[in-house]
Structure formats: structure tokens, C-alpha cells
Amino acid sequence: MAGTEKSSILVEPHYGYAAADGLPYKPTCAEAIREWLHVMNCVHNPQHSLTAINFLFQIGVGVAFIIFMTRFLSLDSFLFMLLVVLVFGTGYNTVWYHRYCSDLAFRFSHLTFAKIFLWTNPLAFIFREEIYAIPHKIHHQRTDKPGDPYGPHLGYLANFLSPELTQRINPNISREEFRARQRTILHIGLHSHSYEQFRRTASIENVYYYAARIIVTQFIWISLTSALGGHALVLAYYSAIFITTILIRDFNWRGHGGNVQVVKRNNWEFDKKTRALNQYFYGFIASEWHDNHHHYITSANNGFLASQIDIAFIMIQALHRLGIIKSYINAETLFRKQCLLSHNEARAE
């Protein structure tokens, strides 16, 4: 089945985007597994190599998590792991990937500061910035529609595996489209491939540059955690990566509605165009008040109501006061005018 104009930027899975009735196609578990096995076969499909390697890292940190839990677990190391999960989930997933790389909700005062995030991002050897940011833009263009790369319409398994199944950049896009995609991620600070290299690797980022920064990142974090607590905290660090990346995979289903909630909660969720939800769990551990985000996509602040604590925005404000961040977008005033005020006026009538 042919993809739409927007979704052609990504590789369309073999089971297609749309069902016969025009609604998003929900693959069976068997279809999702077959597609995953196809993507993992990098021997016959060299363009799949980076995706397969990234998933092998996912398995690797899973093994580290098992070793940590069975051989090195203590109260101190467990608390350290939870703290690192919060730092990675909020600092690197939400502030870096989501609000900067994907939505450009704030701007650094100099590209050097973006490169510090880039070269210290511990999640990048599983989720490369381009396969997070570019599909995220398409997700907002096609939320809950055929061609949306993640969401409840895919079912849990296919959505959990969406980085491998539906978030891969299509290496067959035109030279002009390739340049357009390059421009959308210039602010990240990546060193880009040529078009010909991209066609061979299915990666906009130069793979040698990517490999170098992954090595540097791991050296930094391993050195730090080893100095703090030896092997136990190194394994706690990798365990934190495992938990954070599993939660990211899980969130794309639950945060967009899943099968846990169909009706939006009155005076809590205001975005009527999507199934995105404001959930306490992901709101508190990663500042993902997702109904708010879908309503105001480029806002650096997503915590608009009193109980919606947005730690990511507090971090952004702190970096702004330090001069690291030059400017940011805050839609709270707009939210209060468009949502709370209009809602209260409607109730009064």
C-alpha cells in the first residue's frame, strides 16, 4: 500500500498504514513480529544495520539490568538507579529529545551547548536523535491517522517496537527531501552525511561521527559512575538506560490513549483533536503532560494546572537564567485564556 505524501519520509511497514476503510491499520502481533524480523535482517538489508545495532544495545542494557538486579542490588545502588532514571527521563528524553530536538520549544544561546547534550546523551545509542525528531514531527502532522508513526492505533506491540518498525527514515527520498530533512535538524548540531552516503546507510547523521560521540558519551558516564561506586553503579547506570528506554517505548502507547481511557477528563484535558492524555505517572517522572503538549506543541512549559509539576520546564528556566538557553516559548498564558477562561465562561452560561 502506498504511503501518503507526508509519511513517505519514513519507511512504510509491509502491512501498510491504512485499512480498507481508510482508518489506521492495526497490525496483528504476528505482522509486527514479521516486520521486526525483516528490519533486524541487516545481512540481506545493509540499510537496516544501524537500526539492528541500536536494538542490540537495547538488549545489552537489558542484560546489564538483570545482572544488576541479581548480583549488585543494594538500597543505595537502587536509589541511585531511580535518580538516574529521573535525570535521563526528564533531562535527556523530555528537555533534549522532545522539547529541543523535535519541537524547538527553546533555543540555546550557542550551538556549543546543544553539542554538550549531543555528546553526553546516554540514550543515543538506542534512540538516535534523527529517528526521534523527524518521526515526531510527522506524528504531529498525522496524529491518530494513517501514517502516524506511533500511537494506540498500532496496538501495544507494534507501538512498543515503533522505533524499529515505523520510525526509520526512508533512504529512497529525493535529494530535495533529504536536504529538507537536514534543515529540520540543523539545530541539533549533527555532522551530516552526503545524500549518497545517506542512501547507503539510511542515516542523515554521519555514522563515524555518531560512533565517536557514542564512545565519548559512554566513557564520560562510565568514568563518573565508576568513580562514585564501582561496578555496582556502572551497572545501575546501564539499568537506568534500560528502564528509561522501555518507558519511552511504553509511553507512546499510553500517553496517546492506549486502551486505558477513551473520553477526555473535563477541565483536565482540553485537546479535542487527539487522544493524548495528561497522566500523573509520566507527568511526574518525565514532565510529559501530553494532552497539554498536543494542544501547544512548541511550548517549553507543559504543566499548566496547579498539580501539573513540570520539572523539565524548571530545568529550562534554570538554564535560561544561567545564559545557556537564550529564549523559550511558554504557552501558559495562552492556555489560561483559550482553555480555562473559555471553559469557565461556558459553564457560567
Protein backbone atom coordinates (compact mmCIF):
# COMPACT_ATOMS: atom_id res chain seq x y z
CA MET A 1 0.00 0.00 0.00
CA ALA A 2 1.45 3.33 -0.99
CA GLY A 3 2.25 5.85 1.73
CA THR A 4 0.91 9.35 1.90
CA GLU A 5 2.96 12.35 0.81
CA LYS A 6 3.83 13.15 4.41
CA SER A 7 4.54 9.58 5.51
CA SER A 8 6.85 8.84 2.53
CA ILE A 9 9.62 10.43 4.61
CA LEU A 10 9.55 7.26 6.71
CA VAL A 11 9.75 3.64 5.61
CA GLU A 12 6.22 2.25 5.41
CA PRO A 13 5.93 -1.22 7.00
CA HIS A 14 4.83 -4.10 4.78
CA TYR A 15 1.42 -4.29 6.47
CA GLY A 16 0.70 -0.70 5.38
CA TYR A 17 -0.63 2.41 7.06
CA ALA A 18 -4.34 2.32 6.26
CA ALA A 19 -7.05 -0.34 6.48
CA ALA A 20 -9.63 -0.85 3.74
CA ASP A 21 -11.99 1.60 5.46
CA GLY A 22 -9.33 4.33 5.40
CA LEU A 23 -8.70 4.19 9.14
CA PRO A 24 -5.22 3.50 10.58
CA TYR A 25 -4.27 -0.14 10.14
CA LYS A 26 -3.71 -2.09 13.37
CA PRO A 27 -1.20 -4.87 12.69
CA THR A 28 -1.55 -8.22 14.38
CA CYS A 29 1.20 -9.38 16.72
CA ALA A 30 2.35 -11.81 14.02
CA GLU A 31 2.59 -9.00 11.45
CA ALA A 32 4.54 -6.82 13.88
CA ILE A 33 6.99 -9.64 14.65
CA ARG A 34 7.48 -10.46 10.95
CA GLU A 35 8.20 -6.79 10.22
CA TRP A 36 10.62 -6.61 13.15
CA LEU A 37 12.48 -9.73 11.93
CA HIS A 38 12.68 -8.16 8.46
CA VAL A 39 14.21 -5.00 9.92
CA MET A 40 16.67 -6.96 12.06
CA ASN A 41 17.96 -8.80 8.97
CA CYS A 42 20.82 -6.44 8.18
CA VAL A 43 22.77 -9.16 6.33
CA HIS A 44 20.36 -9.03 3.39
CA ASN A 45 19.39 -5.39 4.06
CA PRO A 46 22.56 -3.38 4.91
CA GLN A 47 20.47 -0.20 5.23
CA HIS A 48 18.93 -1.76 8.36
CA SER A 49 22.31 -2.10 10.10
CA LEU A 50 22.09 0.94 12.39
CA THR A 51 18.56 0.08 13.46
CA ALA A 52 19.59 -3.50 14.25
CA ILE A 53 22.68 -2.33 16.16
CA ASN A 54 20.59 0.13 18.19
CA PHE A 55 18.20 -2.67 19.16
CA LEU A 56 21.15 -4.90 20.13
CA PHE A 57 22.16 -2.14 22.54
CA GLN A 58 18.61 -2.28 23.93
CA ILE A 59 19.11 -5.98 24.60
CA GLY A 60 22.56 -5.30 26.06
CA VAL A 61 21.30 -2.84 28.68
CA GLY A 62 18.53 -5.34 29.46
CA VAL A 63 21.20 -7.94 30.27
CA ALA A 64 23.01 -5.35 32.42
CA PHE A 65 19.75 -4.71 34.28
CA ILE A 66 19.36 -8.43 35.05
CA ILE A 67 22.96 -8.68 36.30
CA PHE A 68 22.49 -5.56 38.43
CA MET A 69 19.24 -6.79 39.99
CA THR A 70 20.59 -10.28 40.74
CA ARG A 71 24.18 -9.57 41.81
CA PHE A 72 24.75 -5.91 42.68
CA LEU A 73 21.46 -4.67 44.09
CA SER A 74 21.55 -2.69 47.33
CA LEU A 75 19.40 0.10 48.71
CA ASP A 76 21.99 2.74 47.75
CA SER A 77 22.52 1.41 44.22
CA PHE A 78 18.77 1.04 43.69
CA LEU A 79 18.09 4.62 44.79
CA PHE A 80 20.94 5.80 42.56
CA MET A 81 19.40 3.96 39.61
CA LEU A 82 16.00 5.60 40.24
CA LEU A 83 17.63 9.03 40.46
CA VAL A 84 19.40 8.45 37.15
CA VAL A 85 16.12 7.32 35.55
CA LEU A 86 14.55 10.63 36.59
CA VAL A 87 17.52 12.62 35.25
CA PHE A 88 17.58 10.75 31.94
CA GLY A 89 13.78 10.68 31.58
CA THR A 90 13.42 14.41 32.19
CA GLY A 91 16.77 15.87 31.11
CA TYR A 92 17.57 13.86 28.01
CA ASN A 93 14.21 12.48 26.90
CA THR A 94 11.98 15.50 27.58
CA VAL A 95 14.27 18.55 27.56
CA TRP A 96 16.68 17.34 24.87
CA TYR A 97 14.82 14.94 22.56
CA HIS A 98 11.28 16.21 22.91
CA ARG A 99 11.30 19.94 23.55
CA TYR A 100 14.53 20.84 21.76
CA CYS A 101 15.37 18.33 19.00
CA SER A 102 11.77 17.67 17.99
CA ASP A 103 9.75 20.81 18.76
CA LEU A 104 12.40 23.55 19.17
CA ALA A 105 10.47 24.93 22.15
CA PHE A 106 13.61 26.77 23.27
CA ARG A 107 16.89 27.95 21.75
CA PHE A 108 20.37 27.65 23.14
CA SER A 109 22.45 30.82 23.27
CA HIS A 110 25.16 28.97 21.32
CA LEU A 111 25.26 25.71 19.37
CA THR A 112 28.06 24.55 21.68
CA PHE A 113 25.51 23.95 24.44
CA ALA A 114 23.41 21.77 22.12
CA LYS A 115 26.54 19.78 21.30
CA ILE A 116 27.19 19.21 25.01
CA PHE A 117 23.79 17.50 25.22
CA LEU A 118 24.54 15.67 21.97
CA TRP A 119 27.90 14.35 23.14
CA THR A 120 26.66 13.33 26.59
CA ASN A 121 23.29 11.82 25.62
CA PRO A 122 23.31 8.30 27.15
CA LEU A 123 20.13 7.27 25.31
CA ALA A 124 21.51 7.95 21.82
CA PHE A 125 22.98 4.50 21.30
CA ILE A 126 19.39 3.20 21.32
CA PHE A 127 17.41 6.22 20.05
CA ARG A 128 19.38 8.34 17.58
CA GLU A 129 18.23 11.97 17.57
CA GLU A 130 17.05 11.92 13.96
CA ILE A 131 14.83 8.86 14.42
CA TYR A 132 13.22 10.62 17.37
CA ALA A 133 12.86 14.16 16.00
CA ILE A 134 11.81 13.58 12.38
CA PRO A 135 9.11 10.95 13.07
CA HIS A 136 7.86 13.14 15.93
CA LYS A 137 7.14 15.97 13.50
CA ILE A 138 5.20 13.57 11.28
CA HIS A 139 3.37 12.27 14.34
CA HIS A 140 2.03 15.76 15.00
CA GLN A 141 1.04 16.19 11.36
CA ARG A 142 -0.85 12.90 11.27
CA THR A 143 -1.80 12.14 14.89
CA ASP A 144 -4.14 9.13 15.12
CA LYS A 145 -4.32 8.98 11.30
CA PRO A 146 -2.79 6.61 8.74
CA GLY A 147 0.91 7.37 8.58
CA ASP A 148 1.24 8.35 12.25
CA PRO A 149 4.46 6.51 13.24
CA TYR A 150 3.28 5.75 16.78
CA GLY A 151 0.15 5.77 18.89
CA PRO A 152 -2.60 3.47 20.14
CA HIS A 153 -3.87 2.78 16.61
CA LEU A 154 -0.90 0.43 16.13
CA GLY A 155 -1.69 -1.76 19.12
CA TYR A 156 0.70 -2.22 22.00
CA LEU A 157 3.37 -4.47 20.44
CA ALA A 158 3.77 -2.58 17.16
CA ASN A 159 3.81 0.70 19.06
CA PHE A 160 6.40 -0.62 21.54
CA LEU A 161 8.57 -1.61 18.57
CA SER A 162 7.83 1.56 16.58
CA PRO A 163 11.47 2.82 16.64
CA GLU A 164 12.28 -0.24 14.52
CA LEU A 165 9.00 -0.63 12.61
CA THR A 166 7.70 2.83 11.76
CA GLN A 167 10.28 5.46 12.75
CA ARG A 168 13.02 4.65 10.21
CA ILE A 169 13.96 7.38 7.72
CA ASN A 170 13.26 6.32 4.14
CA PRO A 171 16.62 6.13 2.25
CA ASN A 172 14.77 6.46 -1.06
CA ILE A 173 13.54 10.02 -0.56
CA SER A 174 14.64 12.55 -3.14
CA ARG A 175 17.73 14.70 -2.84
CA GLU A 176 15.49 17.73 -2.24
CA GLU A 177 13.57 15.95 0.53
CA PHE A 178 16.84 14.82 2.08
CA ARG A 179 18.04 18.43 2.21
CA ALA A 180 14.71 19.48 3.72
CA ARG A 181 15.11 16.86 6.47
CA GLN A 182 18.67 18.05 7.07
CA ARG A 183 17.40 21.57 7.63
CA THR A 184 14.86 20.43 10.22
CA ILE A 185 17.63 19.04 12.45
CA LEU A 186 20.40 21.60 11.89
CA HIS A 187 19.83 22.99 15.39
CA ILE A 188 20.84 19.64 16.93
CA GLY A 189 24.47 20.02 15.84
CA LEU A 190 24.83 16.72 13.97
CA HIS A 191 27.51 16.17 11.34
CA SER A 192 25.57 15.12 8.27
CA HIS A 193 26.15 12.53 5.58
CA SER A 194 26.06 13.41 1.90
CA TYR A 195 22.96 12.32 0.02
CA GLU A 196 24.86 9.37 -1.49
CA GLN A 197 26.07 8.25 1.94
CA PHE A 198 22.54 8.60 3.29
CA ARG A 199 21.22 6.33 0.53
CA ARG A 200 23.68 3.63 1.61
CA THR A 201 23.26 3.93 5.39
CA ALA A 202 19.69 5.28 5.88
CA SER A 203 21.23 7.74 8.34
CA ILE A 204 21.33 11.51 7.95
CA GLU A 205 24.00 11.76 10.65
CA ASN A 206 27.47 10.66 9.61
CA VAL A 207 27.91 7.19 11.12
CA TYR A 208 31.55 7.82 12.10
CA TYR A 209 30.54 10.99 13.91
CA TYR A 210 27.74 9.04 15.59
CA ALA A 211 30.11 6.25 16.65
CA ALA A 212 32.63 8.78 18.02
CA ARG A 213 30.10 10.61 20.18
CA ILE A 214 28.64 7.34 21.48
CA ILE A 215 32.11 6.24 22.57
CA VAL A 216 32.78 9.61 24.23
CA THR A 217 29.39 9.53 25.99
CA GLN A 218 29.95 6.05 27.39
CA PHE A 219 33.46 6.97 28.53
CA ILE A 220 32.11 10.01 30.40
CA TRP A 221 29.27 8.17 32.13
CA ILE A 222 31.23 5.00 32.90
CA SER A 223 34.08 7.06 34.36
CA LEU A 224 31.69 9.09 36.51
CA THR A 225 29.65 6.17 37.84
CA SER A 226 32.73 4.01 38.37
CA ALA A 227 34.36 6.78 40.43
CA LEU A 228 31.19 7.13 42.51
CA GLY A 229 30.60 3.46 43.23
CA GLY A 230 32.50 0.97 41.10
CA HIS A 231 30.87 -1.81 39.12
CA ALA A 232 27.59 -1.59 41.02
CA LEU A 233 26.89 1.99 39.92
CA VAL A 234 28.13 1.37 36.36
CA LEU A 235 25.53 -1.40 36.12
CA ALA A 236 22.99 0.86 37.82
CA TYR A 237 23.69 3.43 35.07
CA TYR A 238 23.05 0.91 32.31
CA SER A 239 19.98 -0.33 34.16
CA ALA A 240 18.70 3.25 34.22
CA ILE A 241 19.14 3.44 30.44
CA PHE A 242 17.19 0.20 30.09
CA ILE A 243 14.30 1.41 32.26
CA THR A 244 14.19 4.85 30.61
CA THR A 245 14.12 3.48 27.07
CA ILE A 246 11.48 0.89 27.99
CA LEU A 247 9.35 3.67 29.48
CA ILE A 248 9.78 5.76 26.30
CA ARG A 249 8.56 2.82 24.24
CA ASP A 250 5.64 2.29 26.61
CA PHE A 251 4.71 5.96 26.79
CA ASN A 252 3.93 6.35 23.10
CA TRP A 253 1.01 3.95 23.56
CA ARG A 254 -0.24 5.03 26.99
CA GLY A 255 0.38 8.75 26.55
CA HIS A 256 -1.72 8.78 23.40
CA GLY A 257 -4.70 6.99 24.87
CA GLY A 258 -3.88 3.29 24.59
CA ASN A 259 -6.97 1.39 25.63
CA VAL A 260 -6.90 2.86 29.14
CA GLN A 261 -9.06 5.92 28.53
CA VAL A 262 -11.38 6.89 25.70
CA VAL A 263 -13.06 10.07 26.98
CA LYS A 264 -11.06 13.18 27.91
CA ARG A 265 -11.39 14.29 31.54
CA ASN A 266 -13.31 17.51 31.93
CA ASN A 267 -11.27 20.57 32.95
CA TRP A 268 -8.09 18.45 32.85
CA GLU A 269 -7.60 17.55 29.18
CA PHE A 270 -8.52 20.18 26.59
CA ASP A 271 -7.10 18.95 23.29
CA LYS A 272 -10.08 17.64 21.33
CA LYS A 273 -8.17 16.71 18.15
CA THR A 274 -6.15 13.81 19.55
CA ARG A 275 -6.37 11.04 22.13
CA ALA A 276 -3.31 12.32 24.06
CA LEU A 277 -3.68 12.33 27.85
CA ASN A 278 -2.34 14.13 30.90
CA GLN A 279 -1.14 11.27 33.13
CA TYR A 280 0.28 11.68 36.61
CA PHE A 281 2.89 8.91 36.27
CA TYR A 282 4.56 10.19 33.10
CA GLY A 283 3.84 13.78 34.09
CA PHE A 284 5.81 13.46 37.32
CA ILE A 285 8.71 11.27 36.11
CA ALA A 286 9.25 12.97 32.73
CA SER A 287 7.10 16.15 32.66
CA GLU A 288 5.03 14.57 29.88
CA TRP A 289 1.66 16.28 30.36
CA HIS A 290 0.84 15.08 26.90
CA ASP A 291 -2.64 16.46 26.28
CA ASN A 292 -1.18 19.89 27.03
CA HIS A 293 1.72 19.19 24.69
CA HIS A 294 -0.55 18.27 21.80
CA HIS A 295 -2.57 21.43 22.40
CA TYR A 296 0.54 23.68 22.43
CA ILE A 297 3.21 21.72 20.56
CA THR A 298 6.05 24.25 20.73
CA SER A 299 5.61 25.27 24.36
CA ALA A 300 8.59 24.63 26.64
CA ASN A 301 6.11 24.56 29.52
CA ASN A 302 3.54 21.74 29.58
CA GLY A 303 2.44 22.00 33.22
CA PHE A 304 -0.44 24.44 33.08
CA LEU A 305 -2.59 23.38 36.04
CA ALA A 306 -1.63 23.58 39.71
CA SER A 307 -0.97 19.84 40.13
CA GLN A 308 0.96 19.52 36.87
CA ILE A 309 4.54 19.96 38.03
CA ASP A 310 6.81 20.41 35.02
CA ILE A 311 10.37 19.62 36.15
CA ALA A 312 11.61 19.86 32.55
CA PHE A 313 10.42 23.47 32.33
CA ILE A 314 12.04 24.27 35.68
CA MET A 315 15.31 22.94 34.22
CA ILE A 316 14.82 25.05 31.07
CA GLN A 317 14.18 28.16 33.18
CA ALA A 318 17.32 27.47 35.24
CA LEU A 319 19.44 27.11 32.09
CA HIS A 320 17.90 30.33 30.81
CA ARG A 321 18.92 32.20 33.98
CA LEU A 322 22.45 30.84 33.55
CA GLY A 323 22.57 32.17 29.99
CA ILE A 324 22.79 28.70 28.42
CA ILE A 325 19.31 28.99 26.91
CA LYS A 326 18.62 32.20 25.00
CA SER A 327 14.82 32.05 24.77
CA TYR A 328 11.86 29.71 25.22
CA ILE A 329 8.14 29.56 24.44
CA ASN A 330 5.66 29.43 27.32
CA ALA A 331 2.01 28.91 26.33
CA GLU A 332 0.63 29.06 29.88
CA THR A 333 -0.98 32.50 29.41
CA LEU A 334 -2.48 31.40 26.11
CA PHE A 335 -3.77 28.20 27.74
CA ARG A 336 -5.46 30.12 30.53
CA LYS A 337 -7.12 32.44 28.03
CA GLN A 338 -8.15 29.86 25.46
CA CYS A 339 -8.93 26.89 27.69
CA LEU A 340 -9.61 27.83 31.31
CA LEU A 341 -11.32 31.17 30.67
CA SER A 342 -13.47 29.89 27.80
CA HIS A 343 -14.31 26.76 29.79
CA ASN A 344 -15.41 28.78 32.81
CA GLU A 345 -17.43 31.15 30.64
CA ALA A 346 -19.19 28.20 29.02
CA ARG A 347 -20.07 26.79 32.44
CA ALA A 348 -21.43 30.16 33.58
CA GLU A 349 -23.76 30.31 30.60
